[in-house]
Amino acid sequence: MELSVRNASCGYGTTAILSDINLTIKQGEIVCILGPNGIGKTTVFRSVLGFLKLISGEIYLDDTPRDSLTSKEFAKSIGYVPQSHTPPFAFTVPDVVVMGRTAHLSNFKAPGMRDYMIADRVMEMLNIKINGKDYTVEKNTTILEACHQFGIKIPTLCYLKDINEIGACRICMVEIEGRDHLVAACNAVCEEGTVVITNSQRVRDTRRLNVEMILSKHNSNCTSCVRSGNCTLQSLARDMNVLDLPFPHKPIYRAWDHSYPLIRDMSKCVNCMRCVSVCDKVQDMHVWDVVGTGTRTAVAVRDRRDIMDAGCTFCGQCITHCPVGALRARDDTLKVFDVISDPDKITVVQVAPAVRAGWGEDFGLTREEATVPRMGASLKALGFDYVFDTNFSADLTIMEEGSEFIERMTHPGEFPMPMFTSCCPGWVRYVKIRHPELAGNLSTAKSPQQMFGAVTKTYF
């Protein structure tokens, strides 16, 4: 059955609170307005009833107009049987669980009431049991999400919420009563009455075995790895007390040109597919792909192309989401120190806005301590001759782009419009790769970093 409410208003007493409400209630869904602090027991029902009777508006039950609707008719229309049958057929808190999108109103005035919320859809709830305790979760919730919701930790390696929920690593294995095999919690959906065990001996042994097998093909030279101390696999091995490997250690090595801004180390890849998913589903660039089968399965540049020919914009999202050190940015620190140590060279450093704002975090400094002057003094102490802020060259970029924009505006038809900024080399690369027809809309001005480099080399 279906109940539609159109052009409705609702209030408390004679005070109108919500107006112009349009919604449809299908069988199995409940719409309600909550009382103070989201709780109200019978107040919940009275608000529902007041909402359905309406101050103004029309009610349609299966496309039939109605002047009013009783509580029993409402319950019947949505197939709802309340736990309490006491007059006036009251809903209790366990009966009505409000989820989904909500609109919060706090600026209205109504006697005896403080806050109202209206939910346009209430999700179907399921009863499950985790490690002997009863819980209630929304329908279609995965076991992993349910455990996270209630503070029950399940280890993961490949999982990225809504992006990579494929159970590739098999680290999040759990036991479900009635099933012979373990399941991956990240993509196993809860069902009514599901009984989950997250920490049995069988579960612990399986997780540990899977970590050991991953480590058997992982380059474990952690002391020289950029992710040491911030590595998910390293943390998992430590938490599971993996001290020795029962399998032969056979990492797979592949050559990579280290002059590229993005460095991939095949020997550290755990085939979690997070880089593939974030590049496909978030960035929509499709640079990475899975190649090979069976034990030869690996992640590589799509179609086995060179990374410079794969349409990569070097956005860095794959690096950010890699749980190990298989992907990293090229590090030129040693080259910088070589230049600083050269007495015949003038060294100039440019500080980006992100560095200026967050440089103190790695040193444990408070925001008050991590001041810009202190940062400048630290850079000078390292040996730089001059320290500049990107704001300087950003002003140059604004002037250049502004002049170009005026030129285009005053000569209509001669230049493509609108004009896009060219401040980010990654953005410019993206346009040229994915939308070459818009390349003419890009400003011809360089980025602030490029302008600063040109000005610095000219001045010094």
Protein backbone atom coordinates (compact mmCIF):
# COMPACT_ATOMS: atom_id res chain seq x y z
CA MET A 1 0.00 0.00 0.00
CA GLU A 2 1.08 3.58 -0.50
CA LEU A 3 0.26 6.75 1.42
CA SER A 4 0.98 10.16 -0.12
CA VAL A 5 0.93 13.47 1.72
CA ARG A 6 0.96 16.64 -0.39
CA ASN A 7 1.25 20.35 0.41
CA ALA A 8 1.07 19.62 4.11
CA SER A 9 1.89 21.58 7.23
CA CYS A 10 2.43 20.33 10.73
CA GLY A 11 2.74 21.91 14.14
CA TYR A 12 2.35 21.66 17.87
CA GLY A 13 -0.99 22.93 19.04
CA THR A 14 -1.75 26.04 17.02
CA THR A 15 1.91 26.73 16.24
CA ALA A 16 2.91 25.78 12.70
CA ILE A 17 6.36 24.23 12.63
CA LEU A 18 6.79 22.65 9.20
CA SER A 19 5.06 23.58 5.96
CA ASP A 20 4.98 22.65 2.26
CA ILE A 21 5.64 18.99 3.04
CA ASN A 22 5.36 16.46 0.20
CA LEU A 23 6.22 12.82 0.71
CA THR A 24 5.13 9.28 -0.06
CA ILE A 25 5.08 6.48 2.50
CA LYS A 26 5.34 2.98 1.09
CA GLN A 27 4.58 -0.20 2.94
CA GLY A 28 7.32 -0.96 5.44
CA GLU A 29 8.40 2.67 5.87
CA ILE A 30 7.62 4.97 8.74
CA VAL A 31 7.74 8.75 8.74
CA CYS A 32 7.61 10.55 12.04
CA ILE A 33 8.35 13.82 13.80
CA LEU A 34 10.28 13.48 17.03
CA GLY A 35 9.76 15.25 20.31
CA PRO A 36 12.39 16.74 22.66
CA ASN A 37 15.93 15.41 22.20
CA GLY A 38 14.78 12.88 19.63
CA ILE A 39 12.80 10.89 22.23
CA GLY A 40 9.19 11.19 23.18
CA LYS A 41 7.53 7.78 23.34
CA THR A 42 3.83 8.58 22.99
CA THR A 43 4.75 12.07 21.82
CA VAL A 44 6.26 10.40 18.77
CA PHE A 45 2.95 8.82 17.92
CA ARG A 46 0.95 11.94 18.63
CA SER A 47 3.23 13.88 16.32
CA VAL A 48 2.77 11.25 13.64
CA LEU A 49 -0.97 11.38 14.06
CA GLY A 50 -0.96 15.18 14.05
CA PHE A 51 1.20 15.12 10.95
CA LEU A 52 -1.17 12.78 9.15
CA LYS A 53 -4.34 14.63 10.16
CA LEU A 54 -2.54 17.82 9.14
CA ILE A 55 -3.18 21.45 9.77
CA SER A 56 -3.62 21.85 6.04
CA GLY A 57 -3.02 19.74 3.02
CA GLU A 58 -4.26 16.54 1.40
CA ILE A 59 -3.88 12.85 2.24
CA TYR A 60 -3.99 10.12 -0.40
CA LEU A 61 -4.25 6.44 0.55
CA ASP A 62 -3.49 4.36 -2.54
CA ASP A 63 -4.34 7.42 -4.67
CA THR A 64 -7.68 7.87 -2.88
CA PRO A 65 -8.10 11.31 -1.23
CA ARG A 66 -8.90 11.24 2.50
CA ASP A 67 -9.94 13.97 4.90
CA SER A 68 -8.17 12.27 7.80
CA LEU A 69 -6.46 9.07 8.76
CA THR A 70 -6.72 7.24 12.07
CA SER A 71 -3.74 5.68 13.76
CA LYS A 72 -4.94 2.16 12.94
CA GLU A 73 -5.41 3.06 9.29
CA PHE A 74 -1.94 4.54 9.24
CA ALA A 75 -0.45 1.40 10.77
CA LYS A 76 -2.34 -0.81 8.34
CA SER A 77 -1.30 1.30 5.34
CA ILE A 78 2.38 0.69 6.02
CA GLY A 79 2.02 -2.88 7.24
CA TYR A 80 3.13 -1.90 10.74
CA VAL A 81 2.15 -3.77 13.91
CA PRO A 82 3.18 -1.82 17.03
CA GLN A 83 4.47 -3.59 20.10
CA SER A 84 2.15 -1.59 22.33
CA HIS A 85 -1.61 -1.73 21.89
CA THR A 86 -2.48 0.60 24.75
CA PRO A 87 -4.58 3.64 23.87
CA PRO A 88 -4.01 5.69 21.88
CA PHE A 89 -2.25 2.88 20.01
CA ALA A 90 1.07 4.39 21.09
CA PHE A 91 4.42 4.00 19.38
CA THR A 92 7.27 3.37 21.79
CA VAL A 93 10.93 4.11 21.28
CA PRO A 94 11.85 0.53 20.18
CA ASP A 95 8.99 0.64 17.65
CA VAL A 96 10.09 3.79 15.83
CA VAL A 97 13.75 4.16 14.88
CA VAL A 98 14.45 7.26 12.85
CA MET A 99 17.23 7.05 10.29
CA GLY A 100 18.06 8.56 6.91
CA ARG A 101 17.94 12.19 5.83
CA THR A 102 16.78 14.66 8.48
CA ALA A 103 16.01 18.35 8.67
CA HIS A 104 16.62 19.91 12.06
CA LEU A 105 14.64 22.89 13.23
CA SER A 106 15.68 24.72 16.37
CA ASN A 107 14.45 28.28 15.86
CA PHE A 108 10.73 27.70 16.32
CA LYS A 109 8.75 28.27 19.53
CA ALA A 110 6.20 25.77 20.77
CA PRO A 111 4.98 25.25 24.36
CA GLY A 112 6.82 22.49 26.14
CA MET A 113 8.83 21.39 23.10
CA ARG A 114 12.43 22.18 22.27
CA ASP A 115 13.53 20.40 19.12
CA TYR A 116 11.75 18.70 16.27
CA MET A 117 13.20 16.54 13.55
CA ILE A 118 11.45 15.13 10.52
CA ALA A 119 12.74 12.04 8.76
CA ASP A 120 11.43 11.46 5.27
CA ARG A 121 12.37 7.79 5.37
CA VAL A 122 12.98 5.28 8.12
CA MET A 123 15.31 2.42 7.23
CA GLU A 124 14.32 -1.15 7.95
CA MET A 125 16.21 -2.39 10.99
CA LEU A 126 17.67 -5.85 11.64
CA ASN A 127 18.50 -7.64 14.88
CA ILE A 128 21.95 -9.27 14.95
CA LYS A 129 24.29 -10.66 17.57
CA ILE A 130 28.03 -9.93 17.69
CA ASN A 131 30.24 -11.79 20.16
CA GLY A 132 27.24 -12.73 22.28
CA LYS A 133 25.69 -9.24 22.46
CA ASP A 134 22.51 -8.08 20.73
CA TYR A 135 22.58 -5.12 18.35
CA THR A 136 20.22 -3.43 15.89
CA VAL A 137 21.51 -2.22 12.53
CA GLU A 138 20.08 -0.89 9.30
CA LYS A 139 19.26 -3.29 6.52
CA ASN A 140 22.09 -3.72 3.97
CA THR A 141 24.75 -2.87 6.58
CA THR A 142 27.91 -4.93 6.21
CA ILE A 143 29.30 -6.83 9.17
CA LEU A 144 32.39 -4.59 9.16
CA GLU A 145 30.30 -1.40 9.26
CA ALA A 146 28.16 -2.85 12.05
CA CYS A 147 31.23 -3.70 14.12
CA HIS A 148 32.73 -0.25 13.57
CA GLN A 149 29.41 1.30 14.59
CA PHE A 150 29.54 -0.46 17.96
CA GLY A 151 33.26 -0.05 18.61
CA ILE A 152 34.26 -3.62 17.74
CA LYS A 153 37.59 -3.60 15.92
CA ILE A 154 38.11 -5.79 12.88
CA PRO A 155 41.49 -5.48 11.13
CA THR A 156 41.50 -4.52 7.45
CA LEU A 157 44.10 -3.92 4.75
CA CYS A 158 42.33 -3.39 1.43
CA TYR A 159 39.07 -1.86 2.70
CA LEU A 160 38.04 1.66 1.66
CA LYS A 161 34.46 2.54 2.54
CA ASP A 162 32.23 2.81 -0.55
CA ILE A 163 35.32 2.62 -2.78
CA ASN A 164 37.09 -0.70 -2.25
CA GLU A 165 34.95 -3.29 -0.48
CA ILE A 166 36.10 -6.40 -2.34
CA GLY A 167 37.57 -8.59 0.40
CA ALA A 168 40.84 -8.98 -1.50
CA CYS A 169 43.15 -9.14 1.51
CA ARG A 170 41.04 -11.61 3.57
CA ILE A 171 42.23 -9.96 6.76
CA CYS A 172 38.75 -8.99 7.97
CA MET A 173 37.55 -12.61 8.19
CA VAL A 174 34.82 -13.37 10.73
CA GLU A 175 32.81 -16.41 11.72
CA ILE A 176 29.03 -16.61 11.16
CA GLU A 177 27.07 -19.16 13.09
CA GLY A 178 25.63 -21.80 10.78
CA ARG A 179 28.23 -21.39 8.03
CA ASP A 180 31.12 -23.78 7.51
CA HIS A 181 33.47 -21.20 6.03
CA LEU A 182 34.65 -17.81 7.26
CA VAL A 183 33.51 -14.68 5.41
CA ALA A 184 35.07 -11.29 4.70
CA ALA A 185 33.30 -8.79 6.94
CA CYS A 186 33.78 -5.89 4.52
CA ASN A 187 31.34 -7.24 1.93
CA ALA A 188 29.18 -9.65 3.92
CA VAL A 189 25.79 -8.04 4.56
CA CYS A 190 23.96 -8.50 7.86
CA GLU A 191 20.73 -10.48 7.81
CA GLU A 192 18.00 -10.80 10.41
CA GLY A 193 19.29 -12.99 13.23
CA THR A 194 22.90 -13.09 12.02
CA VAL A 195 25.25 -14.30 14.76
CA VAL A 196 28.82 -13.06 14.25
CA ILE A 197 32.00 -14.07 16.07
CA THR A 198 34.93 -11.75 15.42
CA ASN A 199 37.65 -13.12 17.69
CA SER A 200 37.49 -16.91 17.83
CA GLN A 201 40.66 -19.02 17.62
CA ARG A 202 39.74 -20.02 14.08
CA VAL A 203 39.33 -16.37 13.05
CA ARG A 204 42.61 -15.31 14.66
CA ASP A 205 44.55 -18.17 13.06
CA THR A 206 43.08 -17.41 9.62
CA ARG A 207 43.89 -13.71 9.81
CA ARG A 208 47.42 -14.43 10.96
CA LEU A 209 47.92 -16.98 8.17
CA ASN A 210 46.72 -14.49 5.55
CA VAL A 211 49.09 -11.81 6.87
CA GLU A 212 51.97 -14.30 6.76
CA MET A 213 51.18 -15.21 3.14
CA ILE A 214 51.06 -11.52 2.16
CA LEU A 215 54.40 -10.93 3.90
CA SER A 216 55.94 -13.86 2.01
CA LYS A 217 55.72 -11.77 -1.18
CA HIS A 218 56.32 -8.40 0.43
CA ASN A 219 59.67 -6.62 0.52
CA SER A 220 60.04 -6.21 4.27
CA ASN A 221 63.03 -3.84 4.35
CA CYS A 222 61.04 -1.58 6.65
CA THR A 223 63.96 0.51 7.86
CA SER A 224 64.43 2.02 4.39
CA CYS A 225 60.72 2.26 3.56
CA VAL A 226 58.99 5.64 3.42
CA ARG A 227 55.93 4.17 5.20
CA SER A 228 57.80 2.61 8.12
CA GLY A 229 55.91 3.47 11.29
CA ASN A 230 52.86 4.43 9.25
CA CYS A 231 52.24 1.15 7.42
CA THR A 232 49.01 -0.82 7.75
CA LEU A 233 50.69 -4.15 6.99
CA GLN A 234 53.43 -3.44 9.52
CA SER A 235 50.81 -2.68 12.17
CA LEU A 236 48.85 -5.84 11.35
CA ALA A 237 51.97 -7.99 11.63
CA ARG A 238 52.81 -6.43 14.97
CA ASP A 239 49.27 -6.77 16.32
CA MET A 240 49.14 -10.45 15.29
CA ASN A 241 52.60 -11.13 16.72
CA VAL A 242 54.06 -12.29 13.41
CA LEU A 243 57.75 -12.75 14.24
CA ASP A 244 58.78 -15.43 11.74
CA LEU A 245 57.47 -16.45 8.32
CA PRO A 246 56.61 -20.13 7.71
CA PHE A 247 56.75 -19.56 3.92
CA PRO A 248 59.64 -18.83 1.52
CA HIS A 249 60.19 -15.10 1.10
CA LYS A 250 59.84 -14.32 -2.63
CA PRO A 251 59.04 -10.67 -3.42
CA ILE A 252 58.53 -9.78 -7.08
CA TYR A 253 60.77 -7.01 -8.43
CA ARG A 254 60.12 -4.87 -11.50
CA ALA A 255 62.18 -2.01 -12.95
CA TRP A 256 60.83 1.54 -12.64
CA ASP A 257 62.24 4.84 -13.88
CA HIS A 258 62.96 6.83 -10.71
CA SER A 259 63.03 10.11 -12.61
CA TYR A 260 59.20 10.04 -12.65
CA PRO A 261 57.43 12.07 -9.95
CA LEU A 262 55.54 8.91 -8.93
CA ILE A 263 57.57 5.89 -7.80
CA ARG A 264 56.12 2.38 -7.76
CA ASP A 265 57.88 -0.49 -5.94
CA MET A 266 56.38 -3.76 -7.16
CA SER A 267 58.13 -5.73 -4.41
CA LYS A 268 56.02 -3.99 -1.76
CA CYS A 269 52.63 -4.23 -3.49
CA VAL A 270 50.06 -6.35 -1.61
CA ASN A 271 47.48 -6.40 -4.45
CA CYS A 272 44.88 -4.66 -2.31
CA MET A 273 43.53 -2.83 -5.38
CA ARG A 274 42.98 0.41 -3.46
CA CYS A 275 44.96 2.37 -6.06
CA VAL A 276 42.86 0.84 -8.84
CA SER A 277 39.58 1.69 -7.12
CA VAL A 278 40.41 5.26 -6.13
CA CYS A 279 41.78 6.03 -9.61
CA ASP A 280 38.71 4.52 -11.31
CA LYS A 281 35.88 5.52 -8.99
CA VAL A 282 37.08 8.83 -7.54
CA GLN A 283 39.53 10.37 -10.00
CA ASP A 284 38.04 8.66 -13.09
CA MET A 285 41.46 8.41 -14.73
CA HIS A 286 41.76 4.59 -14.99
CA VAL A 287 45.56 4.51 -14.85
CA TRP A 288 45.98 1.31 -12.80
CA ASP A 289 44.64 -2.16 -13.53
CA VAL A 290 44.97 -5.78 -12.43
CA VAL A 291 47.04 -7.98 -14.76
CA GLY A 292 47.83 -11.67 -14.75
CA THR A 293 45.98 -14.56 -13.12
CA GLY A 294 46.41 -16.82 -10.12
CA THR A 295 49.72 -16.41 -8.33
CA ARG A 296 50.86 -14.10 -11.14
CA THR A 297 48.13 -11.56 -10.41
CA ALA A 298 49.57 -8.07 -9.98
CA VAL A 299 48.66 -4.39 -10.17
CA ALA A 300 50.28 -2.50 -13.04
CA VAL A 301 49.74 0.47 -15.32
CA ARG A 302 46.71 -0.22 -17.50
CA ASP A 303 47.52 -2.02 -20.75
CA ARG A 304 51.11 -2.31 -19.47
CA ARG A 305 51.91 1.17 -20.70
CA ASP A 306 54.59 3.51 -19.42
CA ILE A 307 53.24 5.70 -16.63
CA MET A 308 54.07 8.84 -18.63
CA ASP A 309 51.89 7.55 -21.48
CA ALA A 310 49.00 6.35 -19.31
CA GLY A 311 47.21 9.68 -18.89
CA CYS A 312 48.21 10.04 -15.23
CA THR A 313 47.81 13.55 -13.82
CA PHE A 314 50.02 12.74 -10.82
CA CYS A 315 47.26 13.78 -8.43
CA GLY A 316 48.74 11.54 -5.72
CA GLN A 317 45.50 9.86 -4.64
CA CYS A 318 46.90 6.38 -5.27
CA ILE A 319 49.89 7.24 -3.09
CA THR A 320 47.66 8.58 -0.32
CA HIS A 321 45.49 5.44 -0.28
CA CYS A 322 48.24 2.85 -0.64
CA PRO A 323 48.41 1.05 2.75
CA VAL A 324 52.10 0.16 2.29
CA GLY A 325 55.12 1.69 0.56
CA ALA A 326 54.37 0.37 -2.93
CA LEU A 327 53.56 3.88 -4.18
CA ARG A 328 55.33 7.06 -3.14
CA ALA A 329 56.32 10.45 -4.41
CA ARG A 330 59.86 10.96 -5.69
CA ASP A 331 62.10 12.28 -2.92
CA ASP A 332 64.69 14.90 -3.92
CA THR A 333 65.87 15.69 -0.39
CA LEU A 334 69.46 14.57 -0.97
CA LYS A 335 69.69 16.69 -4.11
CA VAL A 336 68.55 19.72 -2.10
CA PHE A 337 71.19 19.14 0.57
CA ASP A 338 73.85 18.76 -2.14
CA VAL A 339 72.91 22.17 -3.53
CA ILE A 340 72.82 23.78 -0.06
CA SER A 341 76.33 22.45 0.60
CA ASP A 342 77.67 23.99 -2.62
CA PRO A 343 79.26 27.37 -1.70
CA ASP A 344 79.09 28.54 -5.31
CA LYS A 345 75.27 28.31 -5.48
CA ILE A 346 72.64 30.69 -4.14
CA THR A 347 69.83 28.65 -2.63
CA VAL A 348 66.26 29.97 -2.58
CA VAL A 349 63.30 28.11 -1.04
CA GLN A 350 59.63 28.71 -1.77
CA VAL A 351 57.09 27.74 0.90
CA ALA A 352 53.73 26.43 -0.30
CA PRO A 353 50.55 27.38 1.63
CA ALA A 354 50.00 23.79 2.82
CA VAL A 355 53.54 23.65 4.23
CA ARG A 356 53.10 26.99 5.93
CA ALA A 357 49.90 25.78 7.60
CA GLY A 358 50.98 22.29 8.64
CA TRP A 359 54.76 22.22 9.01
CA GLY A 360 54.65 22.09 12.81
CA GLU A 361 52.68 18.85 13.03
CA ASP A 362 55.65 16.55 12.42
CA PHE A 363 57.61 18.38 15.11
CA GLY A 364 54.82 18.24 17.68
CA LEU A 365 54.44 22.02 17.75
CA THR A 366 51.21 23.75 18.66
CA ARG A 367 49.60 26.21 16.27
CA GLU A 368 50.90 29.06 18.42
CA GLU A 369 54.44 27.70 18.29
CA ALA A 370 54.49 26.83 14.57
CA THR A 371 54.66 30.42 13.39
CA VAL A 372 55.75 31.55 9.93
CA PRO A 373 58.79 33.48 11.28
CA ARG A 374 59.94 30.36 13.13
CA MET A 375 59.57 28.32 9.96
CA GLY A 376 61.60 30.90 8.02
CA ALA A 377 64.31 30.87 10.68
CA SER A 378 64.43 27.06 10.56
CA LEU A 379 64.89 27.07 6.79
CA LYS A 380 67.67 29.62 7.08
CA ALA A 381 69.30 27.43 9.73
CA LEU A 382 69.25 24.54 7.26
CA GLY A 383 71.37 26.64 4.93
CA PHE A 384 68.99 28.35 2.51
CA ASP A 385 70.07 31.84 1.52
CA TYR A 386 66.58 33.21 0.87
CA VAL A 387 63.08 32.16 1.96
CA PHE A 388 59.98 33.23 0.02
CA ASP A 389 56.29 32.53 0.39
CA THR A 390 54.19 31.36 -2.56
CA ASN A 391 51.93 34.36 -1.95
CA PHE A 392 54.54 36.47 -3.74
CA SER A 393 54.28 34.56 -7.02
CA ALA A 394 50.53 34.07 -6.52
CA ASP A 395 50.20 37.83 -6.81
CA LEU A 396 52.16 37.67 -10.06
CA THR A 397 49.81 34.95 -11.34
CA ILE A 398 46.75 37.04 -10.47
CA MET A 399 48.13 40.00 -12.41
CA GLU A 400 49.07 37.90 -15.43
CA GLU A 401 45.77 36.00 -15.54
CA GLY A 402 43.83 39.20 -14.92
CA SER A 403 45.54 40.94 -17.82
CA GLU A 404 44.91 37.97 -20.09
CA PHE A 405 41.25 37.82 -19.04
CA ILE A 406 40.77 41.51 -19.86
CA GLU A 407 42.40 40.92 -23.24
CA ARG A 408 40.01 38.08 -24.00
CA MET A 409 36.96 40.01 -22.78
CA THR A 410 37.76 43.07 -24.86
CA HIS A 411 38.30 41.01 -28.02
CA PRO A 412 35.19 38.81 -28.23
CA GLY A 413 35.36 36.00 -30.74
CA GLU A 414 39.15 35.96 -30.93
CA PHE A 415 39.73 33.73 -27.91
CA PRO A 416 37.87 30.70 -26.45
CA MET A 417 35.73 31.54 -23.43
CA PRO A 418 35.37 31.03 -20.55
CA MET A 419 39.00 31.23 -19.49
CA PHE A 420 40.20 28.61 -17.02
CA THR A 421 43.01 29.13 -14.54
CA SER A 422 46.28 27.35 -15.18
CA CYS A 423 47.65 27.58 -11.63
CA CYS A 424 47.81 23.80 -11.13
CA PRO A 425 50.01 21.74 -13.49
CA GLY A 426 47.95 18.67 -12.59
CA TRP A 427 44.77 20.44 -13.68
CA VAL A 428 46.40 21.54 -16.93
CA ARG A 429 47.56 17.97 -17.56
CA TYR A 430 44.06 16.65 -16.82
CA VAL A 431 42.43 19.04 -19.31
CA LYS A 432 44.92 18.22 -22.05
CA ILE A 433 44.53 14.47 -21.50
CA ARG A 434 40.79 14.10 -20.87
CA HIS A 435 39.34 17.22 -22.50
CA PRO A 436 41.75 18.41 -25.19
CA GLU A 437 38.94 20.40 -26.82
CA LEU A 438 39.12 22.78 -23.81
CA ALA A 439 42.89 23.30 -23.92
CA GLY A 440 42.41 26.66 -25.62
CA ASN A 441 40.34 27.85 -22.65
CA LEU A 442 43.30 27.50 -20.31
CA SER A 443 45.16 30.63 -19.36
CA THR A 444 48.62 30.84 -20.88
CA ALA A 445 50.01 32.06 -17.55
CA LYS A 446 52.26 29.70 -15.63
CA SER A 447 51.53 28.39 -12.15
CA PRO A 448 52.77 30.41 -9.13
CA GLN A 449 55.56 27.87 -8.60
CA GLN A 450 56.68 28.09 -12.22
CA MET A 451 56.56 31.89 -12.21
CA PHE A 452 58.56 31.98 -8.99
CA GLY A 453 61.20 29.73 -10.49
CA ALA A 454 61.52 31.92 -13.59
CA VAL A 455 61.68 35.16 -11.58
CA THR A 456 64.21 33.72 -9.12
CA LYS A 457 66.55 32.48 -11.82
CA THR A 458 66.34 35.84 -13.58
CA TYR A 459 66.86 37.95 -10.44
CA PHE A 460 69.64 35.93 -8.83
